[in-house]
């Protein structure tokens, strides 16, 4: 029965004293949070630690959730602020896609990816690896829309742009994702399509 509870029902019951139910939210969103954190933070170990901290912050701030948006949208704001704070503390540069260093990192990811393509047996793994080849902005949009199941309006609220702009940017991100998949997974894509 607890698995069929909505996020809002779980939150309401946790706030009324059923704290162990919060574990359901953690289980429901742990992959979502971890995937988002990896978009900001490079190291897997740092990402795991930061993800745990985010759930602790979410638990402590649960009374602040007003239900005006999805829980995942509210949780994303905690992810984003926590990651930015973490990066500032580490004094890491958040580079833009126009930066030459970022292009070198992408090229490195692409060459590493070819070596790991044998391990990409499932469609999900293939898509995740293709998303990792995208710019951080494109990866963020794809992740929020498809994995986070956010609406265009919710994504607009999260990243601070108009929903119509989100729609255009998402369309372009999908095109770039398709290009990456055709470039690096052409054989696998043909197998999936049954060609």
N, C-alpha and C. Protein backbone atom coordinates (compact mmCIF):
# COMPACT_ATOMS: atom_id res chain seq x y z
N UNK A 1 0.82 -1.20 0.00
CA UNK A 1 0.00 0.00 0.00
C UNK A 1 0.86 1.26 0.00
N UNK A 2 1.98 1.23 0.73
CA UNK A 2 2.82 2.42 0.81
C UNK A 2 3.42 2.79 -0.53
N UNK A 3 3.66 1.79 -1.38
CA UNK A 3 4.22 2.06 -2.70
C UNK A 3 3.23 2.80 -3.59
N UNK A 4 1.91 2.66 -3.29
CA UNK A 4 0.91 3.31 -4.13
C UNK A 4 0.54 4.70 -3.64
N UNK A 5 1.11 5.13 -2.52
CA UNK A 5 0.84 6.47 -2.00
C UNK A 5 1.46 7.51 -2.92
N UNK A 6 0.78 8.63 -3.08
CA UNK A 6 1.36 9.72 -3.86
C UNK A 6 2.43 10.41 -3.01
N UNK A 7 3.27 11.21 -3.68
CA UNK A 7 4.29 11.96 -2.96
C UNK A 7 3.66 12.85 -1.89
N UNK A 8 2.57 13.52 -2.25
CA UNK A 8 1.91 14.44 -1.33
C UNK A 8 1.36 13.69 -0.10
N UNK A 9 0.80 12.50 -0.33
CA UNK A 9 0.28 11.71 0.79
C UNK A 9 1.41 11.29 1.72
N UNK A 10 2.52 10.87 1.14
CA UNK A 10 3.67 10.46 1.95
C UNK A 10 4.17 11.65 2.78
N UNK A 11 4.32 12.79 2.13
CA UNK A 11 4.81 13.99 2.82
C UNK A 11 3.88 14.36 3.98
N UNK A 12 2.59 14.34 3.71
CA UNK A 12 1.61 14.67 4.75
C UNK A 12 1.75 13.73 5.95
N UNK A 13 1.91 12.45 5.67
CA UNK A 13 2.01 11.46 6.76
C UNK A 13 3.34 11.59 7.50
N UNK A 14 4.42 11.89 6.77
CA UNK A 14 5.72 12.09 7.42
C UNK A 14 5.63 13.28 8.37
N UNK A 15 5.01 14.35 7.91
CA UNK A 15 4.88 15.56 8.74
C UNK A 15 3.99 15.34 9.95
N UNK A 16 3.12 14.33 9.88
CA UNK A 16 2.25 14.00 11.02
C UNK A 16 2.91 13.00 11.96
N UNK A 17 4.17 12.63 11.69
CA UNK A 17 4.88 11.77 12.62
C UNK A 17 5.31 10.41 12.10
N UNK A 18 4.94 10.06 10.87
CA UNK A 18 5.33 8.76 10.30
C UNK A 18 6.64 8.91 9.51
N UNK A 19 7.70 9.31 10.22
CA UNK A 19 8.99 9.59 9.59
C UNK A 19 9.54 8.45 8.73
N UNK A 20 9.35 7.17 9.12
CA UNK A 20 9.91 6.09 8.28
C UNK A 20 9.38 6.08 6.84
N UNK A 21 8.23 6.69 6.62
CA UNK A 21 7.69 6.74 5.25
C UNK A 21 8.57 7.57 4.32
N UNK A 22 9.41 8.44 4.88
CA UNK A 22 10.29 9.26 4.03
C UNK A 22 11.20 8.37 3.18
N UNK A 23 11.50 7.17 3.69
CA UNK A 23 12.33 6.22 2.93
C UNK A 23 11.71 5.90 1.57
N UNK A 24 10.37 5.94 1.49
CA UNK A 24 9.70 5.71 0.20
C UNK A 24 10.06 6.79 -0.81
N UNK A 25 10.12 8.04 -0.34
CA UNK A 25 10.50 9.14 -1.23
C UNK A 25 11.95 9.00 -1.66
N UNK A 26 12.80 8.60 -0.72
CA UNK A 26 14.22 8.41 -1.06
C UNK A 26 14.34 7.34 -2.13
N UNK A 27 13.66 6.21 -1.93
CA UNK A 27 13.72 5.12 -2.89
C UNK A 27 13.18 5.55 -4.25
N UNK A 28 12.10 6.31 -4.23
CA UNK A 28 11.44 6.76 -5.46
C UNK A 28 12.32 7.72 -6.27
N UNK A 29 13.11 8.56 -5.56
CA UNK A 29 13.84 9.63 -6.24
C UNK A 29 15.36 9.51 -6.17
N UNK A 30 15.90 8.42 -5.64
CA UNK A 30 17.35 8.35 -5.49
C UNK A 30 18.08 8.34 -6.84
N UNK A 31 17.55 7.63 -7.84
CA UNK A 31 18.20 7.63 -9.16
C UNK A 31 18.09 9.01 -9.83
N UNK A 32 16.94 9.63 -9.67
CA UNK A 32 16.71 10.97 -10.23
C UNK A 32 17.72 11.96 -9.65
N UNK A 33 17.84 11.97 -8.32
CA UNK A 33 18.76 12.90 -7.65
C UNK A 33 20.20 12.59 -8.05
N UNK A 34 20.58 11.33 -8.02
CA UNK A 34 21.96 10.96 -8.34
C UNK A 34 22.31 11.36 -9.78
N UNK A 35 21.39 11.13 -10.71
CA UNK A 35 21.62 11.51 -12.11
C UNK A 35 21.81 13.01 -12.24
N UNK A 36 20.98 13.78 -11.54
CA UNK A 36 21.10 15.24 -11.60
C UNK A 36 22.42 15.71 -10.99
N UNK A 37 22.79 15.13 -9.85
CA UNK A 37 24.03 15.52 -9.18
C UNK A 37 25.22 15.24 -10.09
N UNK A 38 25.19 14.12 -10.80
CA UNK A 38 26.30 13.80 -11.71
C UNK A 38 26.43 14.80 -12.84
N UNK A 39 25.38 15.56 -13.14
CA UNK A 39 25.45 16.60 -14.17
C UNK A 39 26.29 17.79 -13.67
N UNK A 40 26.35 17.94 -12.35
CA UNK A 40 27.09 19.05 -11.75
C UNK A 40 28.48 18.63 -11.28
N UNK A 41 28.57 17.44 -10.69
CA UNK A 41 29.77 16.98 -10.00
C UNK A 41 30.38 15.82 -10.77
N UNK A 42 31.69 15.85 -10.96
CA UNK A 42 32.33 14.81 -11.78
C UNK A 42 32.54 13.49 -11.04
N UNK A 43 32.97 13.52 -9.81
CA UNK A 43 33.32 12.30 -9.10
C UNK A 43 32.11 11.54 -8.59
N UNK A 44 32.08 10.23 -8.84
CA UNK A 44 30.97 9.39 -8.39
C UNK A 44 30.85 9.40 -6.86
N UNK A 45 31.99 9.34 -6.18
CA UNK A 45 31.99 9.33 -4.71
C UNK A 45 31.39 10.63 -4.17
N UNK A 46 31.81 11.77 -4.74
CA UNK A 46 31.25 13.06 -4.33
C UNK A 46 29.75 13.11 -4.61
N UNK A 47 29.36 12.57 -5.78
CA UNK A 47 27.95 12.58 -6.16
C UNK A 47 27.10 11.76 -5.19
N UNK A 48 27.63 10.61 -4.76
CA UNK A 48 26.89 9.77 -3.81
C UNK A 48 26.73 10.48 -2.47
N UNK A 49 27.82 11.09 -2.00
CA UNK A 49 27.77 11.80 -0.71
C UNK A 49 26.82 12.99 -0.78
N UNK A 50 26.92 13.74 -1.88
CA UNK A 50 26.07 14.91 -2.06
C UNK A 50 24.60 14.50 -2.17
N UNK A 51 24.32 13.40 -2.84
CA UNK A 51 22.94 12.91 -2.96
C UNK A 51 22.36 12.60 -1.58
N UNK A 52 23.15 11.98 -0.73
CA UNK A 52 22.68 11.69 0.63
C UNK A 52 22.40 12.98 1.39
N UNK A 53 23.30 13.95 1.26
CA UNK A 53 23.10 15.24 1.93
C UNK A 53 21.83 15.92 1.45
N UNK A 54 21.53 15.77 0.18
CA UNK A 54 20.34 16.41 -0.40
C UNK A 54 19.07 15.82 0.21
N UNK A 55 19.06 14.51 0.41
CA UNK A 55 17.88 13.90 1.03
C UNK A 55 17.74 14.31 2.50
N UNK A 56 18.87 14.50 3.17
CA UNK A 56 18.82 14.98 4.56
C UNK A 56 18.23 16.40 4.58
N UNK A 57 18.70 17.26 3.65
CA UNK A 57 18.16 18.62 3.57
C UNK A 57 16.68 18.60 3.24
N UNK A 58 16.30 17.72 2.30
CA UNK A 58 14.89 17.62 1.90
C UNK A 58 14.04 17.21 3.11
N UNK A 59 14.52 16.25 3.87
CA UNK A 59 13.79 15.80 5.05
C UNK A 59 13.62 16.93 6.06
N UNK A 60 14.70 17.65 6.31
CA UNK A 60 14.65 18.74 7.28
C UNK A 60 13.77 19.90 6.81
N UNK A 61 13.64 20.06 5.50
CA UNK A 61 12.87 21.17 4.94
C UNK A 61 11.49 20.75 4.47
N UNK A 62 11.11 19.52 4.76
CA UNK A 62 9.85 18.98 4.22
C UNK A 62 8.64 19.84 4.55
N UNK A 63 8.64 20.46 5.70
CA UNK A 63 7.51 21.33 6.09
C UNK A 63 7.39 22.53 5.16
N UNK A 64 8.48 22.89 4.45
CA UNK A 64 8.45 24.02 3.51
C UNK A 64 7.82 23.65 2.17
N UNK A 65 7.64 22.36 1.90
CA UNK A 65 7.03 21.94 0.64
C UNK A 65 5.54 22.29 0.70
N UNK A 66 5.12 23.17 -0.21
CA UNK A 66 3.73 23.66 -0.19
C UNK A 66 2.84 22.95 -1.19
N UNK A 67 3.40 22.10 -2.01
CA UNK A 67 2.59 21.36 -2.98
C UNK A 67 2.17 22.17 -4.18
N UNK A 68 2.80 23.33 -4.39
CA UNK A 68 2.44 24.16 -5.55
C UNK A 68 3.03 23.60 -6.84
N UNK A 69 4.02 22.75 -6.71
CA UNK A 69 4.61 22.06 -7.86
C UNK A 69 4.83 20.61 -7.46
N UNK A 70 5.32 19.81 -8.39
CA UNK A 70 5.62 18.42 -8.06
C UNK A 70 6.73 18.38 -7.01
N UNK A 71 6.75 17.30 -6.24
CA UNK A 71 7.82 17.11 -5.26
C UNK A 71 9.17 17.09 -5.97
N UNK A 72 9.23 16.46 -7.16
CA UNK A 72 10.49 16.37 -7.90
C UNK A 72 11.00 17.74 -8.31
N UNK A 73 10.11 18.68 -8.61
CA UNK A 73 10.51 20.05 -8.95
C UNK A 73 11.12 20.73 -7.73
N UNK A 74 10.45 20.58 -6.59
CA UNK A 74 10.94 21.14 -5.33
C UNK A 74 12.29 20.52 -4.98
N UNK A 75 12.39 19.21 -5.15
CA UNK A 75 13.63 18.49 -4.84
C UNK A 75 14.76 18.96 -5.76
N UNK A 76 14.43 19.25 -7.02
CA UNK A 76 15.45 19.72 -7.96
C UNK A 76 16.08 21.02 -7.47
N UNK A 77 15.28 21.90 -6.90
CA UNK A 77 15.85 23.17 -6.42
C UNK A 77 16.86 22.92 -5.30
N UNK A 78 16.59 21.91 -4.47
CA UNK A 78 17.55 21.54 -3.42
C UNK A 78 18.81 20.96 -4.05
N UNK A 79 18.63 20.11 -5.07
CA UNK A 79 19.78 19.53 -5.78
C UNK A 79 20.65 20.63 -6.36
N UNK A 80 20.01 21.54 -7.04
CA UNK A 80 20.76 22.61 -7.72
C UNK A 80 21.53 23.49 -6.72
N UNK A 81 20.84 23.95 -5.68
CA UNK A 81 21.53 24.81 -4.70
C UNK A 81 22.63 24.05 -3.98
N UNK A 82 22.39 22.80 -3.64
CA UNK A 82 23.40 22.01 -2.94
C UNK A 82 24.63 21.81 -3.82
N UNK A 83 24.40 21.53 -5.10
CA UNK A 83 25.53 21.31 -6.02
C UNK A 83 26.33 22.59 -6.24
N UNK A 84 25.63 23.71 -6.40
CA UNK A 84 26.32 24.98 -6.60
C UNK A 84 27.15 25.33 -5.36
N UNK A 85 26.58 25.12 -4.18
CA UNK A 85 27.31 25.37 -2.93
C UNK A 85 28.53 24.46 -2.85
N UNK A 86 28.35 23.20 -3.18
CA UNK A 86 29.45 22.24 -3.17
C UNK A 86 30.57 22.68 -4.11
N UNK A 87 30.19 23.09 -5.32
CA UNK A 87 31.19 23.51 -6.31
C UNK A 87 31.92 24.77 -5.85
N UNK A 88 31.20 25.68 -5.23
CA UNK A 88 31.84 26.89 -4.72
C UNK A 88 32.84 26.55 -3.63
N UNK A 89 32.46 25.64 -2.76
CA UNK A 89 33.37 25.24 -1.68
C UNK A 89 34.61 24.58 -2.24
N UNK A 90 34.44 23.81 -3.27
CA UNK A 90 35.58 23.13 -3.89
C UNK A 90 36.35 24.04 -4.83
N UNK A 91 35.78 25.22 -5.06
CA UNK A 91 36.38 26.21 -5.97
C UNK A 91 36.64 25.62 -7.35
N UNK A 92 35.67 24.86 -7.83
CA UNK A 92 35.76 24.31 -9.17
C UNK A 92 35.14 25.31 -10.15
N UNK A 93 35.67 25.33 -11.34
CA UNK A 93 35.09 26.18 -12.37
C UNK A 93 33.87 25.50 -12.96
N UNK A 94 32.78 26.27 -13.05
CA UNK A 94 31.65 25.77 -13.82
C UNK A 94 31.81 26.38 -15.21
N UNK A 95 32.20 25.54 -16.14
CA UNK A 95 32.54 26.03 -17.47
C UNK A 95 31.33 25.97 -18.39
N UNK A 96 31.33 26.86 -19.35
CA UNK A 96 30.26 26.86 -20.34
C UNK A 96 30.65 25.96 -21.50
N UNK A 97 29.70 25.64 -22.32
CA UNK A 97 29.96 24.75 -23.47
C UNK A 97 30.86 25.43 -24.49
N UNK A 98 30.94 26.77 -24.42
CA UNK A 98 31.79 27.49 -25.36
C UNK A 98 33.27 27.42 -24.96
N UNK A 99 33.54 27.00 -23.77
CA UNK A 99 34.90 26.96 -23.26
C UNK A 99 35.70 25.83 -23.92
N UNK A 100 36.92 26.12 -24.31
CA UNK A 100 37.77 25.13 -24.98
C UNK A 100 38.01 23.91 -24.10
N UNK A 101 38.17 24.14 -22.79
CA UNK A 101 38.39 23.03 -21.86
C UNK A 101 37.21 22.05 -21.90
N UNK A 102 36.00 22.59 -22.01
CA UNK A 102 34.82 21.73 -22.05
C UNK A 102 34.82 20.90 -23.32
N UNK A 103 35.22 21.50 -24.44
CA UNK A 103 35.31 20.71 -25.67
C UNK A 103 36.30 19.56 -25.52
N UNK A 104 37.43 19.84 -24.87
CA UNK A 104 38.41 18.78 -24.65
C UNK A 104 37.84 17.69 -23.76
N UNK A 105 37.07 18.08 -22.73
CA UNK A 105 36.43 17.09 -21.86
C UNK A 105 35.43 16.25 -22.65
N UNK A 106 34.67 16.90 -23.53
CA UNK A 106 33.70 16.16 -24.35
C UNK A 106 34.41 15.18 -25.28
N UNK A 107 35.50 15.63 -25.90
CA UNK A 107 36.26 14.73 -26.77
C UNK A 107 36.79 13.55 -25.98
N UNK A 108 37.26 13.81 -24.76
CA UNK A 108 37.76 12.74 -23.91
C UNK A 108 36.64 11.77 -23.56
N UNK A 109 35.47 12.31 -23.23
CA UNK A 109 34.32 11.46 -22.92
C UNK A 109 33.95 10.61 -24.13
N UNK A 110 34.00 11.23 -25.32
CA UNK A 110 33.64 10.50 -26.53
C UNK A 110 34.60 9.35 -26.78
N UNK A 111 35.90 9.58 -26.59
CA UNK A 111 36.85 8.50 -26.83
C UNK A 111 36.73 7.42 -25.76
N UNK A 112 36.51 7.82 -24.50
CA UNK A 112 36.29 6.84 -23.44
C UNK A 112 35.02 6.05 -23.69
N UNK A 113 34.04 6.73 -24.26
CA UNK A 113 32.77 6.09 -24.50
C UNK A 113 32.90 4.95 -25.50
N UNK A 114 33.70 5.14 -26.56
CA UNK A 114 33.88 4.09 -27.56
C UNK A 114 34.42 2.82 -26.92
N UNK A 115 35.33 2.99 -25.97
CA UNK A 115 35.91 1.83 -25.30
C UNK A 115 34.87 1.11 -24.44
N UNK A 116 33.91 1.85 -23.93
CA UNK A 116 32.90 1.25 -23.05
C UNK A 116 31.63 0.83 -23.79
N UNK A 117 31.57 1.04 -25.09
CA UNK A 117 30.32 0.78 -25.81
C UNK A 117 29.91 -0.69 -25.80
N UNK A 118 30.86 -1.57 -25.61
CA UNK A 118 30.54 -3.00 -25.55
C UNK A 118 29.63 -3.28 -24.36
N UNK A 119 29.83 -2.53 -23.27
CA UNK A 119 29.04 -2.74 -22.06
C UNK A 119 27.62 -2.19 -22.18
N UNK A 120 27.37 -1.38 -23.18
CA UNK A 120 26.06 -0.73 -23.32
C UNK A 120 25.08 -1.69 -23.98
N UNK A 121 24.59 -2.66 -23.23
CA UNK A 121 23.71 -3.70 -23.78
C UNK A 121 22.27 -3.23 -23.86
N UNK A 122 21.85 -2.48 -22.88
CA UNK A 122 20.44 -2.10 -22.84
C UNK A 122 20.21 -0.74 -23.48
N UNK A 123 19.00 -0.52 -23.89
CA UNK A 123 18.62 0.77 -24.49
C UNK A 123 18.83 1.90 -23.50
N UNK A 124 18.47 1.67 -22.23
CA UNK A 124 18.61 2.71 -21.21
C UNK A 124 20.07 3.12 -21.04
N UNK A 125 20.95 2.14 -20.98
CA UNK A 125 22.37 2.45 -20.83
C UNK A 125 22.87 3.24 -22.03
N UNK A 126 22.40 2.86 -23.21
CA UNK A 126 22.81 3.55 -24.43
C UNK A 126 22.35 5.01 -24.40
N UNK A 127 21.10 5.24 -24.02
CA UNK A 127 20.57 6.60 -23.96
C UNK A 127 21.32 7.42 -22.91
N UNK A 128 21.55 6.81 -21.73
CA UNK A 128 22.28 7.53 -20.67
C UNK A 128 23.68 7.92 -21.13
N UNK A 129 24.34 7.06 -21.84
CA UNK A 129 25.69 7.39 -22.32
C UNK A 129 25.64 8.48 -23.38
N UNK A 130 24.62 8.45 -24.22
CA UNK A 130 24.47 9.52 -25.21
C UNK A 130 24.18 10.85 -24.53
N UNK A 131 23.38 10.84 -23.47
CA UNK A 131 23.08 12.07 -22.73
C UNK A 131 24.37 12.63 -22.13
N UNK A 132 25.24 11.76 -21.66
CA UNK A 132 26.51 12.20 -21.07
C UNK A 132 27.41 12.92 -22.08
N UNK A 133 27.17 12.71 -23.36
CA UNK A 133 27.97 13.36 -24.40
C UNK A 133 27.44 14.76 -24.74
N UNK A 134 26.25 15.07 -24.24
CA UNK A 134 25.65 16.37 -24.52
C UNK A 134 26.25 17.46 -23.64
N UNK A 135 25.98 18.70 -24.01
CA UNK A 135 26.39 19.82 -23.15
C UNK A 135 25.61 19.73 -21.84
N UNK A 136 26.12 20.33 -20.77
CA UNK A 136 25.39 20.28 -19.49
C UNK A 136 23.96 20.82 -19.60
N UNK A 137 23.77 21.88 -20.37
CA UNK A 137 22.43 22.46 -20.52
C UNK A 137 21.47 21.52 -21.22
N UNK A 138 21.93 20.90 -22.32
CA UNK A 138 21.09 19.94 -23.04
C UNK A 138 20.79 18.73 -22.16
N UNK A 139 21.81 18.23 -21.48
CA UNK A 139 21.62 17.06 -20.60
C UNK A 139 20.62 17.37 -19.50
N UNK A 140 20.69 18.59 -18.97
CA UNK A 140 19.77 18.99 -17.91
C UNK A 140 18.33 18.99 -18.41
N UNK A 141 18.10 19.56 -19.59
CA UNK A 141 16.75 19.61 -20.15
C UNK A 141 16.20 18.21 -20.41
N UNK A 142 17.01 17.36 -21.04
CA UNK A 142 16.58 15.99 -21.35
C UNK A 142 16.27 15.25 -20.05
N UNK A 143 17.15 15.39 -19.06
CA UNK A 143 16.97 14.69 -17.78
C UNK A 143 15.70 15.16 -17.08
N UNK A 144 15.49 16.46 -17.01
CA UNK A 144 14.30 16.99 -16.33
C UNK A 144 13.02 16.57 -17.03
N UNK A 145 13.02 16.60 -18.38
CA UNK A 145 11.80 16.31 -19.12
C UNK A 145 11.47 14.82 -19.13
N UNK A 146 12.47 14.00 -19.43
CA UNK A 146 12.20 12.57 -19.59
C UNK A 146 12.37 11.77 -18.30
N UNK A 147 13.44 12.01 -17.57
CA UNK A 147 13.65 11.23 -16.34
C UNK A 147 12.90 11.84 -15.16
N UNK A 148 12.89 13.16 -15.09
CA UNK A 148 12.20 13.83 -14.00
C UNK A 148 10.72 14.03 -14.28
N UNK A 149 10.30 13.80 -15.53
CA UNK A 149 8.91 13.95 -15.96
C UNK A 149 8.34 15.31 -15.59
N UNK A 150 9.16 16.34 -15.77
CA UNK A 150 8.72 17.71 -15.50
C UNK A 150 8.02 18.27 -16.74
N UNK A 151 7.03 19.13 -16.52
CA UNK A 151 6.37 19.79 -17.64
C UNK A 151 7.26 20.94 -18.12
N UNK A 152 6.94 21.48 -19.28
CA UNK A 152 7.70 22.62 -19.81
C UNK A 152 7.62 23.80 -18.84
N UNK A 153 6.45 23.99 -18.23
CA UNK A 153 6.27 25.09 -17.28
C UNK A 153 7.16 24.88 -16.04
N UNK A 154 7.20 23.63 -15.55
CA UNK A 154 8.01 23.35 -14.37
C UNK A 154 9.50 23.52 -14.66
N UNK A 155 9.91 23.07 -15.84
CA UNK A 155 11.32 23.24 -16.22
C UNK A 155 11.64 24.73 -16.33
N UNK A 156 10.71 25.49 -16.91
CA UNK A 156 10.89 26.94 -17.02
C UNK A 156 11.08 27.58 -15.66
N UNK A 157 10.28 27.14 -14.69
CA UNK A 157 10.39 27.66 -13.32
C UNK A 157 11.75 27.30 -12.73
N UNK A 158 12.17 26.05 -12.93
CA UNK A 158 13.42 25.56 -12.35
C UNK A 158 14.62 26.34 -12.89
N UNK A 159 14.68 26.49 -14.23
CA UNK A 159 15.88 27.12 -14.80
C UNK A 159 15.69 28.60 -15.13
N UNK A 160 14.49 29.12 -14.85
CA UNK A 160 14.26 30.55 -14.96
C UNK A 160 14.10 31.09 -16.37
N UNK A 161 13.44 30.30 -17.25
CA UNK A 161 13.16 30.80 -18.59
C UNK A 161 11.70 30.50 -18.96
N UNK A 162 11.23 31.15 -20.00
CA UNK A 162 9.86 31.01 -20.47
C UNK A 162 9.61 29.59 -20.99
N UNK A 163 8.42 29.01 -20.72
CA UNK A 163 8.12 27.65 -21.19
C UNK A 163 8.28 27.47 -22.70
N UNK A 164 7.95 28.51 -23.48
CA UNK A 164 8.13 28.40 -24.93
C UNK A 164 9.61 28.29 -25.31
N UNK A 165 10.46 28.99 -24.57
CA UNK A 165 11.90 28.88 -24.79
C UNK A 165 12.37 27.49 -24.41
N UNK A 166 11.81 26.95 -23.32
CA UNK A 166 12.14 25.58 -22.90
C UNK A 166 11.80 24.62 -24.03
N UNK A 167 10.63 24.81 -24.65
CA UNK A 167 10.19 23.92 -25.73
C UNK A 167 11.17 23.94 -26.89
N UNK A 168 11.62 25.12 -27.27
CA UNK A 168 12.58 25.26 -28.37
C UNK A 168 13.91 24.61 -28.00
N UNK A 169 14.40 24.93 -26.79
CA UNK A 169 15.68 24.38 -26.34
C UNK A 169 15.61 22.86 -26.22
N UNK A 170 14.48 22.34 -25.74
CA UNK A 170 14.31 20.89 -25.61
C UNK A 170 14.30 20.23 -26.98
N UNK A 171 13.64 20.86 -27.94
CA UNK A 171 13.62 20.33 -29.30
C UNK A 171 15.04 20.24 -29.86
N UNK A 172 15.82 21.30 -29.67
CA UNK A 172 17.21 21.30 -30.15
C UNK A 172 18.06 20.27 -29.41
N UNK A 173 17.82 20.13 -28.11
CA UNK A 173 18.56 19.14 -27.31
C UNK A 173 18.26 17.73 -27.80
N UNK A 174 16.99 17.48 -28.12
CA UNK A 174 16.61 16.16 -28.66
C UNK A 174 17.31 15.89 -29.99
N UNK A 175 17.39 16.93 -30.83
CA UNK A 175 18.08 16.76 -32.11
C UNK A 175 19.55 16.41 -31.89
N UNK A 176 20.20 17.11 -30.95
CA UNK A 176 21.60 16.83 -30.67
C UNK A 176 21.78 15.44 -30.07
N UNK A 177 20.82 15.02 -29.24
CA UNK A 177 20.86 13.68 -28.67
C UNK A 177 20.73 12.64 -29.79
N UNK A 178 19.83 12.88 -30.73
CA UNK A 178 19.65 11.97 -31.86
C UNK A 178 20.94 11.89 -32.68
N UNK A 179 21.59 13.04 -32.89
CA UNK A 179 22.85 13.05 -33.64
C UNK A 179 23.92 12.22 -32.93
N UNK A 180 24.01 12.38 -31.59
CA UNK A 180 25.00 11.60 -30.81
C UNK A 180 24.69 10.12 -30.93
N UNK A 181 23.41 9.76 -30.84
CA UNK A 181 23.04 8.36 -30.90
C UNK A 181 23.34 7.78 -32.29
N UNK A 182 23.07 8.57 -33.33
CA UNK A 182 23.35 8.09 -34.69
C UNK A 182 24.85 7.96 -34.92
N UNK A 183 25.62 8.86 -34.33
CA UNK A 183 27.07 8.83 -34.52
C UNK A 183 27.73 7.68 -33.76
N UNK A 184 27.32 7.48 -32.51
CA UNK A 184 28.01 6.51 -31.66
C UNK A 184 27.27 5.19 -31.50
N UNK A 185 25.98 5.18 -31.84
CA UNK A 185 25.19 3.97 -31.63
C UNK A 185 24.44 3.57 -32.90
N UNK A 186 24.94 3.92 -34.06
CA UNK A 186 24.18 3.67 -35.28
C UNK A 186 23.76 2.21 -35.41
N UNK A 187 24.67 1.30 -35.09
CA UNK A 187 24.35 -0.12 -35.20
C UNK A 187 23.26 -0.51 -34.21
N UNK A 188 23.38 -0.06 -32.94
CA UNK A 188 22.39 -0.39 -31.92
C UNK A 188 21.03 0.21 -32.23
N UNK A 189 21.02 1.46 -32.75
CA UNK A 189 19.76 2.11 -33.11
C UNK A 189 19.06 1.32 -34.21
N UNK A 190 19.83 0.85 -35.20
CA UNK A 190 19.23 0.05 -36.28
C UNK A 190 18.66 -1.25 -35.71
N UNK A 191 19.36 -1.86 -34.76
CA UNK A 191 18.86 -3.11 -34.14
C UNK A 191 17.55 -2.85 -33.41
N UNK A 192 17.47 -1.72 -32.69
CA UNK A 192 16.26 -1.40 -31.94
C UNK A 192 15.10 -1.15 -32.89
N UNK A 193 15.38 -0.46 -34.00
CA UNK A 193 14.33 -0.15 -34.97
C UNK A 193 13.98 -1.35 -35.84
N UNK A 194 14.77 -2.40 -35.74
CA UNK A 194 14.50 -3.62 -36.50
C UNK A 194 14.87 -3.52 -37.96
N UNK A 195 15.83 -2.68 -38.27
CA UNK A 195 16.26 -2.52 -39.66
C UNK A 195 17.27 -3.59 -40.03
